[in-house]
Protein backbone atom coordinates (compact mmCIF):
# COMPACT_ATOMS: atom_id res chain seq x y z
CA UNK A 1 74.79 182.21 162.70
CA UNK A 2 74.86 185.57 164.53
CA UNK A 3 73.93 185.58 168.29
CA UNK A 4 70.85 187.64 168.83
CA UNK A 5 71.50 190.06 171.93
CA UNK A 6 68.59 192.04 173.41
CA UNK A 7 69.99 195.44 174.56
CA UNK A 8 67.66 197.18 177.26
CA UNK A 9 68.43 200.85 177.34
CA UNK A 10 70.16 200.63 174.16
CA UNK A 11 69.10 204.14 172.85
CA UNK A 12 71.01 206.04 175.60
CA UNK A 13 74.38 207.38 175.68
CA UNK A 14 76.25 203.93 176.46
CA UNK A 15 73.80 201.93 174.39
CA UNK A 16 74.49 204.21 171.16
CA UNK A 17 78.41 203.67 171.65
CA UNK A 18 77.92 200.11 172.02
CA UNK A 19 75.82 199.63 168.84
CA UNK A 20 78.28 201.49 166.75
CA UNK A 21 81.08 199.19 168.50
CA UNK A 22 79.15 196.23 167.25
CA UNK A 23 78.23 197.48 163.86
CA UNK A 24 82.24 198.28 163.47
CA UNK A 25 83.12 194.54 164.33
CA UNK A 26 80.73 193.11 161.66
CA UNK A 27 77.64 191.02 161.97
CA UNK A 28 78.63 188.31 164.46
CA UNK A 29 75.90 189.93 167.01
CA UNK A 30 72.63 190.92 165.93
CA UNK A 31 71.22 193.58 168.37
CA UNK A 32 67.50 193.92 169.48
CA UNK A 33 66.83 197.29 170.83
CA UNK A 34 63.46 198.05 172.62
CA UNK A 35 62.45 201.60 172.99
CA UNK A 36 59.08 203.01 174.11
CA UNK A 37 59.49 205.56 171.16
CA UNK A 38 61.12 204.36 167.94
CA UNK A 39 62.12 208.02 167.35
CA UNK A 40 64.34 207.80 170.17
CA UNK A 41 66.69 205.14 168.21
CA UNK A 42 66.73 207.10 164.87
CA UNK A 43 70.31 207.33 164.70
CA UNK A 44 70.80 203.49 165.32
CA UNK A 45 68.26 202.68 162.48
CA UNK A 46 71.09 202.66 159.67
CA UNK A 47 73.46 200.55 161.56
CA UNK A 48 73.81 196.99 160.32
CA UNK A 49 72.85 194.22 162.57
CA UNK A 50 70.32 196.48 164.76
CA UNK A 51 66.74 196.03 165.01
CA UNK A 52 64.74 198.45 166.72
CA UNK A 53 61.33 197.39 168.28
CA UNK A 54 58.65 199.40 170.09
CA UNK A 55 58.23 197.89 173.51
CA UNK A 56 58.16 198.92 177.30
CA UNK A 57 60.81 197.02 179.02
CA UNK A 58 58.78 197.43 182.47
CA UNK A 59 55.83 195.40 181.00
CA UNK A 60 56.56 191.70 181.88
CA UNK A 61 54.58 190.35 178.70
CA UNK A 62 56.50 192.71 176.20
CA UNK A 63 59.88 191.76 178.10
CA UNK A 64 58.79 188.09 177.74
CA UNK A 65 58.13 188.44 174.02
CA UNK A 66 61.76 190.20 173.66
CA UNK A 67 63.75 187.55 175.46
CA UNK A 68 62.26 184.70 173.76
CA UNK A 69 65.03 183.06 171.69
CA UNK A 70 67.62 185.63 172.65
CA UNK A 71 71.25 184.22 173.34
CA UNK A 72 72.24 187.07 175.85
CA UNK A 73 70.75 190.26 177.29
CA UNK A 74 72.63 193.60 178.03
CA UNK A 75 70.86 195.89 180.44
CA UNK A 76 71.83 199.57 180.32
CA UNK A 77 68.76 200.86 181.82
CA UNK A 78 69.55 203.43 184.69
CA UNK A 79 68.62 206.64 185.97
CA UNK A 80 70.46 209.45 188.04
CA UNK A 81 67.45 211.29 189.35
CA UNK A 82 64.15 210.30 190.82
CA UNK A 83 62.31 209.17 193.98
CA UNK A 84 63.30 206.27 196.07
CA UNK A 85 60.33 204.54 194.40
CA UNK A 86 61.76 205.51 190.98
CA UNK A 87 65.29 204.10 191.79
CA UNK A 88 63.60 200.85 193.21
CA UNK A 89 61.44 200.34 189.77
CA UNK A 90 64.23 200.89 187.58
CA UNK A 91 67.43 199.63 189.32
CA UNK A 92 65.88 196.86 191.31
CA UNK A 93 62.63 195.64 190.06
CA UNK A 94 63.51 195.61 186.38
CA UNK A 95 66.62 193.47 186.83
CA UNK A 96 64.71 191.20 189.00
CA UNK A 97 62.36 190.63 186.33
CA UNK A 98 64.94 190.66 183.41
CA UNK A 99 66.65 187.75 185.48
CA UNK A 100 63.34 185.77 186.20
CA UNK A 101 62.49 186.07 182.44
CA UNK A 102 66.00 185.28 181.20
CA UNK A 103 66.03 182.25 183.43
CA UNK A 104 62.58 181.09 181.77
CA UNK A 105 63.60 181.73 178.27
CA UNK A 106 66.97 179.98 178.41
CA UNK A 107 68.95 183.04 177.94
CA UNK A 108 72.71 181.90 178.30
CA UNK A 109 74.38 185.22 179.57
CA UNK A 110 73.40 188.57 181.11
CA UNK A 111 75.46 191.49 181.20
CA UNK A 112 74.52 194.32 183.57
CA UNK A 113 75.87 197.72 183.98
CA UNK A 114 75.86 198.74 187.51
CA UNK A 115 78.04 201.52 189.19
CA UNK A 116 81.27 202.01 191.35
CA UNK A 117 80.08 202.49 195.06
CA UNK A 118 77.11 200.36 194.52
CA UNK A 119 76.25 198.92 198.04
CA UNK A 120 73.30 198.12 200.40
CA UNK A 121 74.51 200.39 202.74
CA UNK A 122 75.53 203.37 200.59
CA UNK A 123 74.15 206.64 201.73
CA UNK A 124 72.08 207.38 198.40
CA UNK A 125 69.11 205.62 196.95
CA UNK A 126 70.72 205.32 193.51
CA UNK A 127 73.79 203.35 194.82
CA UNK A 128 71.54 201.30 197.19
CA UNK A 129 69.23 200.42 194.38
CA UNK A 130 71.95 199.66 192.26
CA UNK A 131 73.46 197.00 194.62
CA UNK A 132 69.85 195.55 194.78
CA UNK A 133 69.65 195.22 190.95
CA UNK A 134 73.08 193.36 191.23
CA UNK A 135 71.67 190.92 193.82
CA UNK A 136 68.55 190.32 192.05
CA UNK A 137 70.06 189.22 188.81
CA UNK A 138 72.67 186.88 190.79
CA UNK A 139 69.37 185.27 192.35
CA UNK A 140 68.31 184.31 188.90
CA UNK A 141 71.23 181.88 188.53
CA UNK A 142 71.86 183.06 185.09
CA UNK A 143 75.65 183.45 184.18
CA UNK A 144 76.21 187.23 184.99
CA UNK A 145 78.75 189.95 184.06
CA UNK A 146 78.47 193.07 186.08
CA UNK A 147 80.39 196.21 184.90
CA UNK A 148 80.82 198.98 187.65
CA UNK A 149 81.73 201.99 185.75
CA UNK A 150 82.59 205.33 187.26
CA UNK A 151 81.31 208.56 185.57
CA UNK A 152 81.11 207.96 181.67
CA UNK A 153 82.40 210.70 179.52
CA UNK A 154 82.33 211.15 175.80
CA UNK A 155 81.53 213.68 172.99
CA UNK A 156 77.84 213.37 173.77
CA UNK A 157 77.90 212.95 177.62
CA UNK A 158 75.62 214.79 179.75
CA UNK A 159 78.47 215.26 182.38
CA UNK A 160 81.69 217.22 180.98
CA UNK A 161 79.23 218.86 178.46
CA UNK A 162 77.03 220.32 181.19
CA UNK A 163 79.78 221.83 183.20
CA UNK A 164 81.02 223.31 179.81
CA UNK A 165 77.83 224.78 178.95
CA UNK A 166 77.53 226.21 182.57
CA UNK A 167 80.99 227.92 182.30
CA UNK A 168 80.05 229.60 178.91
CA UNK A 169 77.35 231.21 180.59
CA UNK A 170 78.21 231.97 184.15
CA UNK A 171 81.14 233.97 185.61
CA UNK A 172 81.45 231.52 188.53
CA UNK A 173 80.59 227.93 189.38
CA UNK A 174 79.34 227.16 192.86
CA UNK A 175 79.78 223.50 193.21
CA UNK A 176 78.46 221.06 195.67
CA UNK A 177 80.68 217.81 196.28
CA UNK A 178 83.58 219.53 194.89
CA UNK A 179 86.03 217.11 196.76
CA UNK A 180 84.42 213.98 195.55
CA UNK A 181 86.73 211.76 193.69
CA UNK A 182 86.00 210.04 190.41
CA UNK A 183 87.72 207.93 187.90
CA UNK A 184 86.12 208.96 184.51
CA UNK A 185 85.82 205.96 181.79
CA UNK A 186 85.62 206.62 178.15
CA UNK A 187 82.29 205.57 176.77
CA UNK A 188 84.16 203.81 173.81
CA UNK A 189 86.06 201.87 176.37
CA UNK A 190 82.99 200.82 178.26
CA UNK A 191 81.42 200.05 174.88
CA UNK A 192 84.45 197.74 174.19
CA UNK A 193 84.19 196.28 177.46
CA UNK A 194 80.65 195.22 176.69
CA UNK A 195 81.52 193.70 173.55
CA UNK A 196 84.31 191.68 174.89
CA UNK A 197 82.02 190.44 177.83
CA UNK A 198 79.56 189.11 174.97
CA UNK A 199 82.30 187.75 172.87
CA UNK A 200 83.61 185.69 175.98
CA UNK A 201 80.04 184.75 176.92
CA UNK A 202 79.54 182.97 180.23
CA UNK A 203 83.38 182.68 180.72
CA UNK A 204 83.31 186.55 181.40
CA UNK A 205 81.04 185.87 184.27
CA UNK A 206 82.07 187.88 187.43
CA UNK A 207 82.35 191.68 188.39
CA UNK A 208 84.73 194.15 186.67
CA UNK A 209 85.41 197.68 187.67
CA UNK A 210 85.35 200.10 184.66
CA UNK A 211 87.48 202.96 185.36
CA UNK A 212 89.79 205.30 183.38
CA UNK A 213 93.38 205.75 184.39
CA UNK A 214 93.13 209.14 186.14
CA UNK A 215 91.34 210.23 189.51
CA UNK A 216 90.07 213.80 189.65
CA UNK A 217 88.23 215.61 192.10
CA UNK A 218 84.73 216.81 190.93
CA UNK A 219 86.30 220.20 190.89
CA UNK A 220 89.11 219.32 188.72
CA UNK A 221 86.80 217.96 186.12
CA UNK A 222 84.80 220.88 186.06
CA UNK A 223 87.96 223.09 185.61
CA UNK A 224 89.07 220.73 182.93
CA UNK A 225 85.45 220.84 180.94
CA UNK A 226 85.64 224.79 180.89
CA UNK A 227 89.14 224.99 179.75
CA UNK A 228 88.61 222.43 176.98
CA UNK A 229 85.49 224.68 176.01
CA UNK A 230 87.49 227.77 176.27
CA UNK A 231 85.51 229.36 179.31
CA UNK A 232 87.19 228.08 182.34
CA UNK A 233 85.69 229.74 185.26
CA UNK A 234 86.29 230.10 189.08
CA UNK A 235 85.02 227.21 191.07
CA UNK A 236 83.45 228.12 194.42
CA UNK A 237 83.55 224.79 196.49
CA UNK A 238 80.18 225.01 198.59
CA UNK A 239 80.39 223.91 202.07
CA UNK A 240 78.04 221.10 202.87
CA UNK A 241 75.19 222.93 204.22
CA UNK A 242 75.13 225.46 201.12
CA UNK A 243 75.60 222.29 198.80
CA UNK A 244 72.54 220.71 200.21
CA UNK A 245 70.49 224.12 199.56
CA UNK A 246 71.83 224.26 196.15
CA UNK A 247 70.75 220.51 195.51
CA UNK A 248 67.47 221.13 197.03
CA UNK A 249 66.86 224.22 194.99
CA UNK A 250 67.88 222.42 191.81
CA UNK A 251 65.47 219.64 192.31
CA UNK A 252 62.60 221.88 192.48
CA UNK A 253 63.36 224.18 189.42
CA UNK A 254 61.53 223.48 186.24
CA UNK A 255 62.95 221.49 183.50
CA UNK A 256 65.54 218.62 183.78
CA UNK A 257 67.23 218.23 187.10
CA UNK A 258 70.87 219.01 187.10
CA UNK A 259 71.55 217.88 190.63
CA UNK A 260 69.75 216.41 193.38
CA UNK A 261 70.17 215.81 196.94
CA UNK A 262 70.51 211.93 196.39
CA UNK A 263 73.26 212.93 193.72
CA UNK A 264 75.06 214.96 196.41
CA UNK A 265 74.82 211.74 198.93
CA UNK A 266 76.16 209.45 196.04
CA UNK A 267 79.04 211.79 195.84
CA UNK A 268 79.69 210.88 199.42
CA UNK A 269 81.33 207.76 198.29
CA UNK A 270 84.43 207.84 196.01
CA UNK A 271 83.51 206.69 192.38
CA UNK A 272 87.02 205.13 192.08
CA UNK A 273 88.20 201.55 191.45
CA UNK A 274 88.94 199.58 194.58
CA UNK A 275 91.12 196.82 193.15
CA UNK A 276 89.18 194.26 194.82
CA UNK A 277 87.76 192.86 191.80
CA UNK A 278 89.39 192.74 188.18
CA UNK A 279 89.39 196.01 186.16
CA UNK A 280 89.18 196.40 182.32
CA UNK A 281 92.51 195.21 181.93
CA UNK A 282 91.52 191.91 182.75
CA UNK A 283 89.31 192.29 179.50
CA UNK A 284 92.24 193.38 177.43
CA UNK A 285 91.31 197.06 177.51
CA UNK A 286 93.94 199.76 178.42
CA UNK A 287 91.64 202.72 179.16
CA UNK A 288 92.10 206.08 177.58
CA UNK A 289 92.84 209.22 179.42
CA UNK A 290 90.49 212.15 179.02
CA UNK A 291 93.14 213.91 176.96
CA UNK A 292 93.71 210.66 174.56
CA UNK A 293 89.78 210.37 174.12
CA UNK A 294 89.41 213.86 173.17
CA UNK A 295 92.12 213.68 170.50
CA UNK A 296 90.73 210.21 169.08
CA UNK A 297 87.19 211.76 169.06
CA UNK A 298 88.64 214.83 167.40
CA UNK A 299 90.59 213.06 164.85
CA UNK A 300 88.47 209.79 164.43
CA UNK A 301 89.29 206.39 165.37
CA UNK A 302 89.61 203.19 163.41
CA UNK A 303 86.32 201.62 164.16
CA UNK A 304 84.51 204.69 163.64
CA UNK A 305 86.07 205.05 160.32
CA UNK A 306 85.41 201.72 159.17
CA UNK A 307 81.57 202.21 159.94
CA UNK A 308 81.43 205.54 158.13
CA UNK A 309 82.98 203.81 155.21
CA UNK A 310 80.08 201.23 155.51
CA UNK A 311 77.34 203.69 155.73
CA UNK A 312 78.83 205.53 152.80
CA UNK A 313 78.98 202.63 150.57
CA UNK A 314 75.61 201.80 151.41
CA UNK A 315 73.77 205.13 151.39
CA UNK A 316 72.24 204.50 148.04
CA UNK A 317 71.70 200.86 148.28
């Protein structure tokens, strides 16, 4: 019988890649993906083994119904922008609730996405709340796997693509936190890590650092994004005072927040693997470089091809 896995945050960037990875592997895992608006998961609806459910995961009663009978839970819910209260609600209170309800429901395994740099003494609300979420899940006494990724990239990411769009529009990129060091991980490698952890079950309990093979400064990544898009611009590394001003202005502009002062504080901590806990190699994964990932996304890879063929064969079914 296929195991039932509830995926919180499954309609997001990482969640979509994970659902596609599961679908390409076959039907040994049945995914239940809650979402407040079913339209948000429209591209997951055709996938085999994926069930979308309208639910608010912050509602305890709804979460109790979702986790009843589940074999495992994957928590991908996270935010980059918000107030201290927002971070505490999403990264702290939700994992605490998930852990409690999972224990009561008899869930056998929890898999949780955190972040490199998560620490109770970190300079940003985001990283401190990530650490609080990890601690809350450990307190639940359910076998727990924590994946700590660096920045996640891929064809649909909101990181490299944002900088590529900016360079198509602007002659100069003023950049706060330009010297911050990051170790980007391909979203498909992270999706494979999630799959492997679920396959291993409670035997995969522990913490794993999810980072790619290359370390870049933020400025290097901005230049790489521009070069890839054919619009490489000069990057002006802002001094700290001007960086704080830029972040404050971007916080208060109408529309989606591009950068906040809390983001800038997160960049004070290098988002690179420490080597103090196992990495993706411990899960049998050799992470792709940015160049390798771009080449595979352009040319297609085996598991995506398998899924596209499955969809084509069932299109008229």
